[in-house]
């Protein structure tokens, strides 16, 4: 799905990108990155399509998703550690 089609689905769901990312607990930066690629992954496209359809049918998808109690994933990998780096420990 193209990023433009994705944004149209969000409009049909009465969502902005920030509201969409908050609802599904993903980083807004991740979604905005698809704009450069001009394509949205299937899973994100499917979620947006479902939200648009549910909104059209009068189904309160926001409450359904909120009830899932989704958690924001923590960043992992180099440069994201919350612990002090080895260099910082050695300076003391």
N, C-alpha and C. Protein backbone atom coordinates (compact mmCIF):
# COMPACT_ATOMS: atom_id res chain seq x y z
N UNK A 1 0.84 -1.17 0.00
CA UNK A 1 0.00 0.00 0.00
C UNK A 1 0.89 1.24 0.00
N UNK A 2 0.49 2.22 -0.78
CA UNK A 2 1.26 3.46 -0.81
C UNK A 2 1.01 4.27 0.46
N UNK A 3 1.94 5.15 0.76
CA UNK A 3 1.79 5.99 1.94
C UNK A 3 0.58 6.92 1.79
N UNK A 4 0.32 7.36 0.58
CA UNK A 4 -0.84 8.23 0.32
C UNK A 4 -2.14 7.48 0.61
N UNK A 5 -2.24 6.23 0.16
CA UNK A 5 -3.44 5.42 0.44
C UNK A 5 -3.59 5.18 1.94
N UNK A 6 -2.47 4.98 2.60
CA UNK A 6 -2.48 4.80 4.05
C UNK A 6 -3.06 6.03 4.75
N UNK A 7 -2.60 7.21 4.34
CA UNK A 7 -3.10 8.45 4.95
C UNK A 7 -4.59 8.64 4.68
N UNK A 8 -5.05 8.21 3.51
CA UNK A 8 -6.49 8.30 3.20
C UNK A 8 -7.29 7.40 4.14
N UNK A 9 -6.75 6.23 4.44
CA UNK A 9 -7.42 5.33 5.38
C UNK A 9 -7.48 5.95 6.77
N UNK A 10 -6.40 6.61 7.17
CA UNK A 10 -6.41 7.28 8.47
C UNK A 10 -7.48 8.37 8.51
N UNK A 11 -7.63 9.10 7.41
CA UNK A 11 -8.69 10.11 7.35
C UNK A 11 -10.06 9.46 7.50
N UNK A 12 -10.25 8.32 6.83
CA UNK A 12 -11.52 7.59 6.94
C UNK A 12 -11.77 7.10 8.36
N UNK A 13 -10.69 6.82 9.07
CA UNK A 13 -10.79 6.38 10.47
C UNK A 13 -10.84 7.56 11.44
N UNK A 14 -10.75 8.77 10.88
CA UNK A 14 -10.75 10.00 11.67
C UNK A 14 -9.56 10.03 12.64
N UNK A 15 -8.39 9.67 12.09
CA UNK A 15 -7.15 9.65 12.87
C UNK A 15 -6.08 10.46 12.15
N UNK A 16 -5.22 11.06 12.94
CA UNK A 16 -4.00 11.67 12.41
C UNK A 16 -2.87 10.66 12.63
N UNK A 17 -1.73 10.90 12.03
CA UNK A 17 -0.60 10.00 12.26
C UNK A 17 -0.21 9.97 13.74
N UNK A 18 -0.10 11.13 14.41
CA UNK A 18 0.23 11.06 15.85
C UNK A 18 -0.80 10.28 16.68
N UNK A 19 -2.08 10.45 16.38
CA UNK A 19 -3.11 9.71 17.12
C UNK A 19 -3.04 8.21 16.82
N UNK A 20 -2.78 7.88 15.55
CA UNK A 20 -2.64 6.48 15.15
C UNK A 20 -1.47 5.82 15.88
N UNK A 21 -0.32 6.50 15.89
CA UNK A 21 0.86 5.91 16.53
C UNK A 21 0.67 5.77 18.04
N UNK A 22 0.00 6.72 18.65
CA UNK A 22 -0.28 6.63 20.09
C UNK A 22 -1.21 5.45 20.37
N UNK A 23 -2.20 5.27 19.52
CA UNK A 23 -3.17 4.20 19.72
C UNK A 23 -2.54 2.82 19.61
N UNK A 24 -1.68 2.63 18.61
CA UNK A 24 -1.08 1.30 18.41
C UNK A 24 0.30 1.17 19.07
N UNK A 25 0.74 2.21 19.76
CA UNK A 25 1.98 2.22 20.54
C UNK A 25 3.23 1.95 19.68
N UNK A 26 3.33 2.68 18.60
CA UNK A 26 4.56 2.65 17.79
C UNK A 26 5.10 4.07 17.68
N UNK A 27 6.35 4.18 17.36
CA UNK A 27 6.98 5.48 17.23
C UNK A 27 6.46 6.21 15.99
N UNK A 28 6.18 7.48 16.17
CA UNK A 28 5.75 8.29 15.03
C UNK A 28 6.86 8.36 13.98
N UNK A 29 8.10 8.34 14.43
CA UNK A 29 9.24 8.35 13.50
C UNK A 29 9.20 7.14 12.57
N UNK A 30 8.83 5.98 13.12
CA UNK A 30 8.75 4.78 12.30
C UNK A 30 7.72 4.93 11.18
N UNK A 31 6.57 5.47 11.52
CA UNK A 31 5.52 5.64 10.51
C UNK A 31 5.94 6.70 9.50
N UNK A 32 6.53 7.79 9.96
CA UNK A 32 6.96 8.85 9.05
C UNK A 32 8.06 8.35 8.10
N UNK A 33 8.84 7.36 8.54
CA UNK A 33 9.90 6.81 7.68
C UNK A 33 9.32 6.15 6.44
N UNK A 34 8.10 5.63 6.55
CA UNK A 34 7.45 4.99 5.39
C UNK A 34 7.11 6.02 4.31
N UNK A 35 7.01 7.27 4.71
CA UNK A 35 6.73 8.33 3.74
C UNK A 35 7.86 8.41 2.71
N UNK A 36 9.10 8.30 3.17
CA UNK A 36 10.25 8.33 2.27
C UNK A 36 10.26 7.10 1.36
N UNK A 37 9.87 5.95 1.91
CA UNK A 37 9.85 4.72 1.13
C UNK A 37 8.64 4.66 0.19
N UNK A 38 7.66 5.54 0.47
CA UNK A 38 6.42 5.63 -0.30
C UNK A 38 5.56 4.37 -0.22
N UNK A 39 5.86 3.52 0.74
CA UNK A 39 5.12 2.28 0.91
C UNK A 39 5.01 1.94 2.39
N UNK A 40 3.87 1.37 2.77
CA UNK A 40 3.60 1.03 4.16
C UNK A 40 3.60 -0.50 4.27
N UNK A 41 4.20 -1.05 5.34
CA UNK A 41 4.18 -2.50 5.51
C UNK A 41 2.75 -3.05 5.60
N UNK A 42 2.60 -4.30 5.22
CA UNK A 42 1.27 -4.93 5.19
C UNK A 42 0.55 -4.86 6.53
N UNK A 43 1.26 -5.11 7.62
CA UNK A 43 0.63 -5.12 8.94
C UNK A 43 0.05 -3.75 9.30
N UNK A 44 0.80 -2.69 9.03
CA UNK A 44 0.34 -1.33 9.33
C UNK A 44 -0.83 -0.97 8.40
N UNK A 45 -0.73 -1.34 7.14
CA UNK A 45 -1.80 -1.08 6.18
C UNK A 45 -3.08 -1.81 6.60
N UNK A 46 -2.95 -3.04 7.05
CA UNK A 46 -4.11 -3.84 7.48
C UNK A 46 -4.80 -3.20 8.68
N UNK A 47 -4.00 -2.74 9.63
CA UNK A 47 -4.56 -2.10 10.83
C UNK A 47 -5.32 -0.84 10.43
N UNK A 48 -4.73 -0.02 9.58
CA UNK A 48 -5.38 1.22 9.14
C UNK A 48 -6.68 0.91 8.39
N UNK A 49 -6.67 -0.12 7.55
CA UNK A 49 -7.87 -0.50 6.80
C UNK A 49 -8.98 -0.96 7.75
N UNK A 50 -8.60 -1.74 8.74
CA UNK A 50 -9.58 -2.19 9.73
C UNK A 50 -10.17 -1.02 10.52
N UNK A 51 -9.31 -0.10 10.93
CA UNK A 51 -9.79 1.07 11.66
C UNK A 51 -10.76 1.88 10.81
N UNK A 52 -10.44 2.07 9.53
CA UNK A 52 -11.31 2.84 8.63
C UNK A 52 -12.66 2.16 8.47
N UNK A 53 -12.65 0.85 8.27
CA UNK A 53 -13.89 0.09 8.10
C UNK A 53 -14.72 0.10 9.38
N UNK A 54 -14.07 -0.10 10.51
CA UNK A 54 -14.77 -0.10 11.79
C UNK A 54 -15.39 1.27 12.07
N UNK A 55 -14.67 2.33 11.75
CA UNK A 55 -15.20 3.68 11.95
C UNK A 55 -16.43 3.89 11.08
N UNK A 56 -16.36 3.44 9.84
CA UNK A 56 -17.48 3.57 8.91
C UNK A 56 -18.71 2.82 9.42
N UNK A 57 -18.47 1.67 10.07
CA UNK A 57 -19.56 0.84 10.59
C UNK A 57 -20.02 1.28 11.99
N UNK A 58 -19.38 2.32 12.53
CA UNK A 58 -19.77 2.82 13.84
C UNK A 58 -19.25 2.02 15.00
N UNK A 59 -18.20 1.25 14.77
CA UNK A 59 -17.60 0.44 15.83
C UNK A 59 -16.49 1.25 16.51
N UNK A 60 -16.52 1.28 17.83
CA UNK A 60 -15.55 2.06 18.60
C UNK A 60 -14.22 1.30 18.70
N UNK A 61 -13.40 1.40 17.67
CA UNK A 61 -12.13 0.68 17.64
C UNK A 61 -11.14 1.23 18.65
N UNK A 62 -11.27 2.50 19.01
CA UNK A 62 -10.32 3.09 19.95
C UNK A 62 -10.39 2.39 21.32
N UNK A 63 -11.60 2.14 21.79
CA UNK A 63 -11.77 1.45 23.07
C UNK A 63 -11.28 0.00 22.96
N UNK A 64 -11.60 -0.65 21.85
CA UNK A 64 -11.15 -2.03 21.66
C UNK A 64 -9.63 -2.13 21.72
N UNK A 65 -8.93 -1.20 21.07
CA UNK A 65 -7.47 -1.23 21.06
C UNK A 65 -6.93 -0.83 22.43
N UNK A 66 -7.53 0.17 23.05
CA UNK A 66 -7.08 0.60 24.39
C UNK A 66 -7.20 -0.53 25.40
N UNK A 67 -8.26 -1.33 25.28
CA UNK A 67 -8.47 -2.45 26.19
C UNK A 67 -7.39 -3.53 26.06
N UNK A 68 -6.65 -3.52 24.95
CA UNK A 68 -5.56 -4.49 24.76
C UNK A 68 -4.35 -4.17 25.65
N UNK A 69 -4.31 -2.93 26.17
CA UNK A 69 -3.22 -2.47 27.02
C UNK A 69 -1.86 -2.71 26.35
N UNK A 70 -1.74 -2.28 25.11
CA UNK A 70 -0.48 -2.41 24.37
C UNK A 70 0.61 -1.62 25.06
N UNK A 71 1.83 -2.08 24.93
CA UNK A 71 2.99 -1.41 25.53
C UNK A 71 3.91 -0.92 24.43
N UNK A 72 4.46 0.26 24.62
CA UNK A 72 5.45 0.81 23.70
C UNK A 72 6.72 -0.02 23.83
N UNK A 73 7.28 -0.44 22.72
CA UNK A 73 8.53 -1.21 22.75
C UNK A 73 9.68 -0.28 23.10
N UNK A 74 10.61 -0.79 23.91
CA UNK A 74 11.79 0.00 24.25
C UNK A 74 12.84 -0.18 23.17
N UNK A 75 13.59 0.87 22.92
CA UNK A 75 14.66 0.82 21.93
C UNK A 75 15.78 -0.05 22.47
N UNK A 76 16.30 -0.90 21.59
CA UNK A 76 17.40 -1.78 21.97
C UNK A 76 18.53 -1.60 20.98
N UNK A 77 19.68 -2.06 21.36
CA UNK A 77 20.82 -1.96 20.47
C UNK A 77 21.81 -0.93 20.96
N UNK A 78 22.87 -0.75 20.21
CA UNK A 78 23.92 0.18 20.63
C UNK A 78 23.40 1.61 20.62
N UNK A 79 23.78 2.35 21.62
CA UNK A 79 23.39 3.75 21.70
C UNK A 79 22.08 3.99 22.41
N UNK A 80 21.35 2.93 22.76
CA UNK A 80 20.06 3.10 23.41
C UNK A 80 20.04 2.63 24.85
N UNK A 81 21.15 2.14 25.34
CA UNK A 81 21.20 1.58 26.68
C UNK A 81 20.95 2.66 27.74
N UNK A 82 20.16 2.30 28.73
CA UNK A 82 19.90 3.21 29.84
C UNK A 82 21.03 3.15 30.86
N UNK A 83 21.79 2.07 30.81
CA UNK A 83 22.92 1.91 31.73
C UNK A 83 24.07 2.79 31.27
N UNK A 84 24.90 3.17 32.21
CA UNK A 84 26.06 3.98 31.87
C UNK A 84 27.03 3.16 31.03
N UNK A 85 27.61 3.81 30.08
CA UNK A 85 28.57 3.12 29.22
C UNK A 85 29.85 2.82 29.98
N UNK A 86 30.65 1.92 29.44
CA UNK A 86 31.91 1.54 30.05
C UNK A 86 32.82 2.75 30.18
N UNK A 87 32.83 3.63 29.18
CA UNK A 87 33.67 4.84 29.23
C UNK A 87 33.28 5.72 30.41
N UNK A 88 31.98 5.88 30.63
CA UNK A 88 31.53 6.72 31.75
C UNK A 88 31.93 6.11 33.09
N UNK A 89 31.87 4.78 33.18
CA UNK A 89 32.25 4.10 34.44
C UNK A 89 33.74 4.26 34.70
N UNK A 90 34.55 4.19 33.65
CA UNK A 90 35.99 4.29 33.80
C UNK A 90 36.44 5.71 34.15
N UNK A 91 35.67 6.71 33.80
CA UNK A 91 36.02 8.11 34.09
C UNK A 91 35.96 8.37 35.59
N UNK A 92 35.17 7.61 36.32
CA UNK A 92 34.99 7.86 37.76
C UNK A 92 36.07 7.32 38.57
